C-alpha atoms as a PDB file:
ATOM      1  CA  MET A   1      14.601 -95.342 190.436  1.00  0.00           C
ATOM      2  CA  VAL A   2      15.527 -91.747 190.029  1.00  0.00           C
ATOM      3  CA  ALA A   3      15.960 -89.206 192.748  1.00  0.00           C
ATOM      4  CA  MET A   4      12.673 -87.383 193.417  1.00  0.00           C
ATOM      5  CA  VAL A   5      12.201 -83.768 194.305  1.00  0.00           C
ATOM      6  CA  ALA A   6       9.524 -82.995 196.863  1.00  0.00           C
ATOM      7  CA  VAL A   7       7.009 -80.209 195.838  1.00  0.00           C
ATOM      8  CA  LYS A   8       5.661 -78.237 198.829  1.00  0.00           C
ATOM      9  CA  SER A   9       3.833 -75.474 196.967  1.00  0.00           C
ATOM     10  CA  SER A  10       1.613 -77.557 194.799  1.00  0.00           C
ATOM     11  CA  SER A  11      -1.883 -78.704 195.455  1.00  0.00           C
ATOM     12  CA  ASN A  12      -1.604 -81.582 192.927  1.00  0.00           C
ATOM     13  CA  VAL A  13       1.987 -82.682 192.590  1.00  0.00           C
ATOM     14  CA  ALA A  14       3.730 -84.345 195.552  1.00  0.00           C
ATOM     15  CA  GLU A  15       7.136 -85.091 193.844  1.00  0.00           C
ATOM     16  CA  TYR A  16       8.836 -85.568 190.546  1.00  0.00           C
ATOM     17  CA  GLY A  17      12.095 -86.825 189.077  1.00  0.00           C
ATOM     18  CA  TYR A  18      13.871 -87.210 185.728  1.00  0.00           C
ATOM     19  CA  ASP A  19      15.993 -89.965 184.176  1.00  0.00           C
ATOM     20  CA  GLU A  20      17.863 -88.112 181.505  1.00  0.00           C
ATOM     21  CA  GLN A  21      19.461 -91.312 180.048  1.00  0.00           C
ATOM     22  CA  ALA A  22      16.078 -92.844 179.426  1.00  0.00           C
ATOM     23  CA  ALA A  23      14.242 -89.485 178.922  1.00  0.00           C
ATOM     24  CA  LYS A  24      11.636 -90.525 181.475  1.00  0.00           C
ATOM     25  CA  LEU A  25       9.874 -88.105 183.711  1.00  0.00           C
ATOM     26  CA  TYR A  26       8.311 -89.473 187.005  1.00  0.00           C
ATOM     27  CA  VAL A  27       5.518 -87.647 188.782  1.00  0.00           C
ATOM     28  CA  ARG A  28       3.723 -88.617 191.953  1.00  0.00           C
ATOM     29  CA  PHE A  29       0.438 -86.897 192.501  1.00  0.00           C
ATOM     30  CA  LYS A  30      -1.079 -86.067 195.789  1.00  0.00           C
ATOM     31  CA  ASP A  31      -4.439 -87.401 194.981  1.00  0.00           C
ATOM     32  CA  GLY A  32      -4.105 -91.123 195.419  1.00  0.00           C
ATOM     33  CA  GLY A  33      -0.369 -91.014 195.610  1.00  0.00           C
ATOM     34  CA  TRP A  34       0.187 -92.843 192.393  1.00  0.00           C
ATOM     35  CA  LEU A  35       3.503 -92.549 190.502  1.00  0.00           C
ATOM     36  CA  TYR A  36       3.312 -91.998 186.732  1.00  0.00           C
ATOM     37  CA  GLN A  37       6.121 -92.233 184.125  1.00  0.00           C
ATOM     38  CA  TYR A  38       6.007 -89.994 181.018  1.00  0.00           C
ATOM     39  CA  ASP A  39       8.267 -90.622 177.997  1.00  0.00           C
ATOM     40  CA  PRO A  40      10.044 -89.731 175.924  1.00  0.00           C
ATOM     41  CA  VAL A  41      10.446 -86.311 177.685  1.00  0.00           C
ATOM     42  CA  PRO A  42      13.334 -84.221 176.381  1.00  0.00           C
ATOM     43  CA  PRO A  43      15.586 -82.346 178.820  1.00  0.00           C
ATOM     44  CA  ILE A  44      14.151 -78.963 177.869  1.00  0.00           C
ATOM     45  CA  VAL A  45      10.677 -80.043 179.131  1.00  0.00           C
ATOM     46  CA  TRP A  46      12.228 -81.291 182.426  1.00  0.00           C
ATOM     47  CA  LEU A  47      14.029 -77.944 182.713  1.00  0.00           C
ATOM     48  CA  GLY A  48      10.699 -76.051 182.186  1.00  0.00           C
ATOM     49  CA  LEU A  49       9.154 -78.110 184.964  1.00  0.00           C
ATOM     50  CA  THR A  50      11.893 -77.395 187.402  1.00  0.00           C
ATOM     51  CA  LEU A  51      11.708 -73.641 186.696  1.00  0.00           C
ATOM     52  CA  CYS A  52       7.968 -73.072 186.592  1.00  0.00           C
ATOM     53  CA  GLN A  53       5.851 -71.780 189.485  1.00  0.00           C
ATOM     54  CA  SER A  54       2.882 -74.043 189.000  1.00  0.00           C
ATOM     55  CA  LYS A  55       3.910 -77.665 188.526  1.00  0.00           C
ATOM     56  CA  GLY A  56       0.347 -78.944 188.008  1.00  0.00           C
ATOM     57  CA  ARG A  57      -0.411 -76.263 185.365  1.00  0.00           C
ATOM     58  CA  TYR A  58       2.886 -76.985 183.571  1.00  0.00           C
ATOM     59  CA  LEU A  59       2.203 -80.770 183.511  1.00  0.00           C
ATOM     60  CA  ARG A  60      -1.354 -80.191 182.231  1.00  0.00           C
ATOM     61  CA  GLN A  61      -0.257 -77.885 179.482  1.00  0.00           C
ATOM     62  CA  GLN A  62       3.187 -79.192 178.486  1.00  0.00           C
ATOM     63  CA  VAL A  63       3.446 -82.822 179.428  1.00  0.00           C
ATOM     64  CA  ILE A  64       0.273 -84.728 179.818  1.00  0.00           C
ATOM     65  CA  PRO A  65      -1.164 -84.031 176.317  1.00  0.00           C
ATOM     66  CA  PHE A  66       2.074 -84.825 174.531  1.00  0.00           C
ATOM     67  CA  PHE A  67       3.821 -87.776 176.113  1.00  0.00           C
ATOM     68  CA  ARG A  68       2.940 -91.327 176.814  1.00  0.00           C
ATOM     69  CA  CYS A  69       2.064 -92.157 180.224  1.00  0.00           C
ATOM     70  CA  ARG A  70       1.876 -95.321 182.427  1.00  0.00           C
ATOM     71  CA  ARG A  71       1.276 -95.812 186.088  1.00  0.00           C
ATOM     72  CA  VAL A  72       4.455 -97.219 187.684  1.00  0.00           C
ATOM     73  CA  GLU A  73       3.079 -98.540 190.993  1.00  0.00           C
END
């Protein structure tokens, strides 16, 4: 598993992490606490997530509609 970054300022996202070798983004949402894996996510999208102010909005607009998703746990 990758190192996860805790998100304190989001009402939706608890933590996220990125596996650059496998191009996989991991996101744990606060609602339900489920961990999801998105792939293949390029590094520029990961960088955008790390730099944006609203993690939930960025995920809804730039990740969820465009990348495969599966629940990990």
